[in-house]
Amino acid sequence: MVSVTPKAVGKIREAFSREGVTGGLRLGVLGGGCSGLSYQFKFDPKPRSNDNVLKFDDVEVFVDPKSMIFLNGMTLDWKDSLIHSGFVFENPNAKKSCGCGTSFTA
């Protein structure tokens, strides 16, 4: 399964409120990026019929079956630092990832 930390759930909730959108957060994997695969991260009004729908408090996360192969065991977190604040993908399936953290090799 995919897990989302309480801090990340709060930031997702804030983003939905700020953007005035409803639905869930779509997490996925796409071909491309500097390491071969890139994380997809976007608002989606509703899940697709074959999505895994994960609930974290009042936040829903949608993951398609193909992406779940690469994301199973991943934790989505939020980190604050002097240099960068943002979502962090802690993915045990990533053998290598790029410096920006949004692209990986499985």
C-alpha atoms as a PDB file:
ATOM      1  CA  MET A   1       0.000   0.000   0.000  1.00  0.00           C
ATOM      2  CA  VAL A   2       0.868   3.661  -0.207  1.00  0.00           C
ATOM      3  CA  SER A   3       0.946   5.731   2.971  1.00  0.00           C
ATOM      4  CA  VAL A   4       0.651   9.476   3.471  1.00  0.00           C
ATOM      5  CA  THR A   5       2.007  11.138   6.600  1.00  0.00           C
ATOM      6  CA  PRO A   6      -0.268  13.390   8.661  1.00  0.00           C
ATOM      7  CA  LYS A   7       1.842  16.423   7.656  1.00  0.00           C
ATOM      8  CA  ALA A   8       1.394  15.588   3.954  1.00  0.00           C
ATOM      9  CA  VAL A   9      -2.352  15.042   4.461  1.00  0.00           C
ATOM     10  CA  GLY A  10      -2.582  18.540   5.957  1.00  0.00           C
ATOM     11  CA  LYS A  11      -0.712  20.069   3.002  1.00  0.00           C
ATOM     12  CA  ILE A  12      -2.935  18.211   0.515  1.00  0.00           C
ATOM     13  CA  ARG A  13      -6.011  19.491   2.356  1.00  0.00           C
ATOM     14  CA  GLU A  14      -4.603  23.054   2.266  1.00  0.00           C
ATOM     15  CA  ALA A  15      -3.932  22.785  -1.492  1.00  0.00           C
ATOM     16  CA  PHE A  16      -7.476  21.561  -2.187  1.00  0.00           C
ATOM     17  CA  SER A  17      -8.914  24.423  -0.158  1.00  0.00           C
ATOM     18  CA  ARG A  18      -6.627  27.044  -1.738  1.00  0.00           C
ATOM     19  CA  GLU A  19      -7.408  25.853  -5.284  1.00  0.00           C
ATOM     20  CA  GLY A  20     -11.127  25.378  -4.583  1.00  0.00           C
ATOM     21  CA  VAL A  21     -11.181  21.834  -5.934  1.00  0.00           C
ATOM     22  CA  THR A  22     -12.914  18.695  -4.729  1.00  0.00           C
ATOM     23  CA  GLY A  23     -12.190  15.040  -5.256  1.00  0.00           C
ATOM     24  CA  GLY A  24      -8.917  13.342  -4.546  1.00  0.00           C
ATOM     25  CA  LEU A  25      -5.221  13.401  -5.198  1.00  0.00           C
ATOM     26  CA  ARG A  26      -4.029  11.224  -8.061  1.00  0.00           C
ATOM     27  CA  LEU A  27      -0.648   9.612  -7.523  1.00  0.00           C
ATOM     28  CA  GLY A  28       0.857   7.801 -10.450  1.00  0.00           C
ATOM     29  CA  VAL A  29       3.943   6.949 -12.418  1.00  0.00           C
ATOM     30  CA  LEU A  30       4.682   8.062 -15.972  1.00  0.00           C
ATOM     31  CA  GLY A  31       7.535   7.205 -18.303  1.00  0.00           C
ATOM     32  CA  GLY A  32      10.047  10.032 -18.593  1.00  0.00           C
ATOM     33  CA  GLY A  33      12.103  12.262 -16.397  1.00  0.00           C
ATOM     34  CA  CYS A  34      15.841  12.217 -15.913  1.00  0.00           C
ATOM     35  CA  SER A  35      15.851   8.765 -14.271  1.00  0.00           C
ATOM     36  CA  GLY A  36      13.303   7.006 -16.501  1.00  0.00           C
ATOM     37  CA  LEU A  37      10.075   7.265 -14.487  1.00  0.00           C
ATOM     38  CA  SER A  38       8.363  10.349 -13.080  1.00  0.00           C
ATOM     39  CA  TYR A  39       5.825  10.736 -10.324  1.00  0.00           C
ATOM     40  CA  GLN A  40       2.420  12.057 -11.365  1.00  0.00           C
ATOM     41  CA  PHE A  41       0.769  14.221  -8.753  1.00  0.00           C
ATOM     42  CA  LYS A  42      -2.486  16.049  -9.549  1.00  0.00           C
ATOM     43  CA  PHE A  43      -6.042  16.811  -8.485  1.00  0.00           C
ATOM     44  CA  ASP A  44      -8.700  14.446  -9.853  1.00  0.00           C
ATOM     45  CA  PRO A  45     -12.435  15.001  -9.323  1.00  0.00           C
ATOM     46  CA  LYS A  46     -13.196  11.278  -8.939  1.00  0.00           C
ATOM     47  CA  PRO A  47     -11.515   7.886  -9.077  1.00  0.00           C
ATOM     48  CA  ARG A  48     -11.524   5.693 -12.160  1.00  0.00           C
ATOM     49  CA  SER A  49     -13.334   2.361 -11.953  1.00  0.00           C
ATOM     50  CA  ASN A  50     -10.135   0.331 -11.443  1.00  0.00           C
ATOM     51  CA  ASP A  51      -8.284   2.752  -9.110  1.00  0.00           C
ATOM     52  CA  ASN A  52      -7.090   1.878  -5.652  1.00  0.00           C
ATOM     53  CA  VAL A  53      -8.810   4.458  -3.446  1.00  0.00           C
ATOM     54  CA  LEU A  54      -6.912   5.152  -0.242  1.00  0.00           C
ATOM     55  CA  LYS A  55      -8.348   7.302   2.542  1.00  0.00           C
ATOM     56  CA  PHE A  56      -6.302   9.339   4.994  1.00  0.00           C
ATOM     57  CA  ASP A  57      -8.686  11.189   7.289  1.00  0.00           C
ATOM     58  CA  ASP A  58     -10.819  13.224   4.855  1.00  0.00           C
ATOM     59  CA  VAL A  59      -8.279  13.064   1.980  1.00  0.00           C
ATOM     60  CA  GLU A  60      -8.661  10.482  -0.776  1.00  0.00           C
ATOM     61  CA  VAL A  61      -5.712   9.314  -2.865  1.00  0.00           C
ATOM     62  CA  PHE A  62      -6.281   7.544  -6.207  1.00  0.00           C
ATOM     63  CA  VAL A  63      -3.665   5.155  -7.614  1.00  0.00           C
ATOM     64  CA  ASP A  64      -4.131   3.216 -10.857  1.00  0.00           C
ATOM     65  CA  PRO A  65      -3.129  -0.501 -10.848  1.00  0.00           C
ATOM     66  CA  LYS A  66      -0.056  -0.053 -13.102  1.00  0.00           C
ATOM     67  CA  SER A  67       1.313   2.751 -10.929  1.00  0.00           C
ATOM     68  CA  MET A  68       0.671   0.725  -7.769  1.00  0.00           C
ATOM     69  CA  ILE A  69       3.335  -1.759  -8.943  1.00  0.00           C
ATOM     70  CA  PHE A  70       5.943   1.027  -8.650  1.00  0.00           C
ATOM     71  CA  LEU A  71       4.408   2.836  -5.659  1.00  0.00           C
ATOM     72  CA  ASN A  72       3.562  -0.084  -3.361  1.00  0.00           C
ATOM     73  CA  GLY A  73       5.247   0.577  -0.014  1.00  0.00           C
ATOM     74  CA  MET A  74       5.867   4.261  -0.785  1.00  0.00           C
ATOM     75  CA  THR A  75       5.321   7.013   1.774  1.00  0.00           C
ATOM     76  CA  LEU A  76       4.335  10.514   0.688  1.00  0.00           C
ATOM     77  CA  ASP A  77       5.658  13.028   3.183  1.00  0.00           C
ATOM     78  CA  TRP A  78       6.104  16.795   3.508  1.00  0.00           C
ATOM     79  CA  LYS A  79       9.504  18.198   4.459  1.00  0.00           C
ATOM     80  CA  ASP A  80      10.446  21.727   5.432  1.00  0.00           C
ATOM     81  CA  SER A  81      14.061  22.833   5.159  1.00  0.00           C
ATOM     82  CA  LEU A  82      16.008  26.030   4.594  1.00  0.00           C
ATOM     83  CA  ILE A  83      16.592  25.108   0.962  1.00  0.00           C
ATOM     84  CA  HIS A  84      13.344  23.431  -0.047  1.00  0.00           C
ATOM     85  CA  SER A  85       9.864  22.754   1.280  1.00  0.00           C
ATOM     86  CA  GLY A  86       7.614  20.299  -0.475  1.00  0.00           C
ATOM     87  CA  PHE A  87       6.322  16.794  -0.926  1.00  0.00           C
ATOM     88  CA  VAL A  88       8.855  13.989  -0.685  1.00  0.00           C
ATOM     89  CA  PHE A  89       8.425  10.529  -2.175  1.00  0.00           C
ATOM     90  CA  GLU A  90      10.039   7.858   0.025  1.00  0.00           C
ATOM     91  CA  ASN A  91       9.833   4.921  -2.358  1.00  0.00           C
ATOM     92  CA  PRO A  92      11.491   1.588  -1.504  1.00  0.00           C
ATOM     93  CA  ASN A  93      11.033   0.491  -5.149  1.00  0.00           C
ATOM     94  CA  ALA A  94      13.296   3.270  -6.451  1.00  0.00           C
ATOM     95  CA  LYS A  95      16.745   1.884  -7.167  1.00  0.00           C
ATOM     96  CA  LYS A  96      17.992   5.317  -8.178  1.00  0.00           C
ATOM     97  CA  SER A  97      16.429   8.768  -8.161  1.00  0.00           C
ATOM     98  CA  CYS A  98      17.359  12.150  -9.525  1.00  0.00           C
ATOM     99  CA  GLY A  99      18.471  15.121  -7.434  1.00  0.00           C
ATOM    100  CA  CYS A 100      15.075  16.811  -7.554  1.00  0.00           C
ATOM    101  CA  GLY A 101      13.334  13.689  -6.182  1.00  0.00           C
ATOM    102  CA  THR A 102      10.557  13.594  -8.780  1.00  0.00           C
ATOM    103  CA  SER A 103      12.116  11.012 -11.086  1.00  0.00           C
ATOM    104  CA  PHE A 104      13.362   7.494 -10.366  1.00  0.00           C
ATOM    105  CA  THR A 105      14.480   4.146 -11.772  1.00  0.00           C
ATOM    106  CA  ALA A 106      12.762   0.974 -10.595  1.00  0.00           C
END
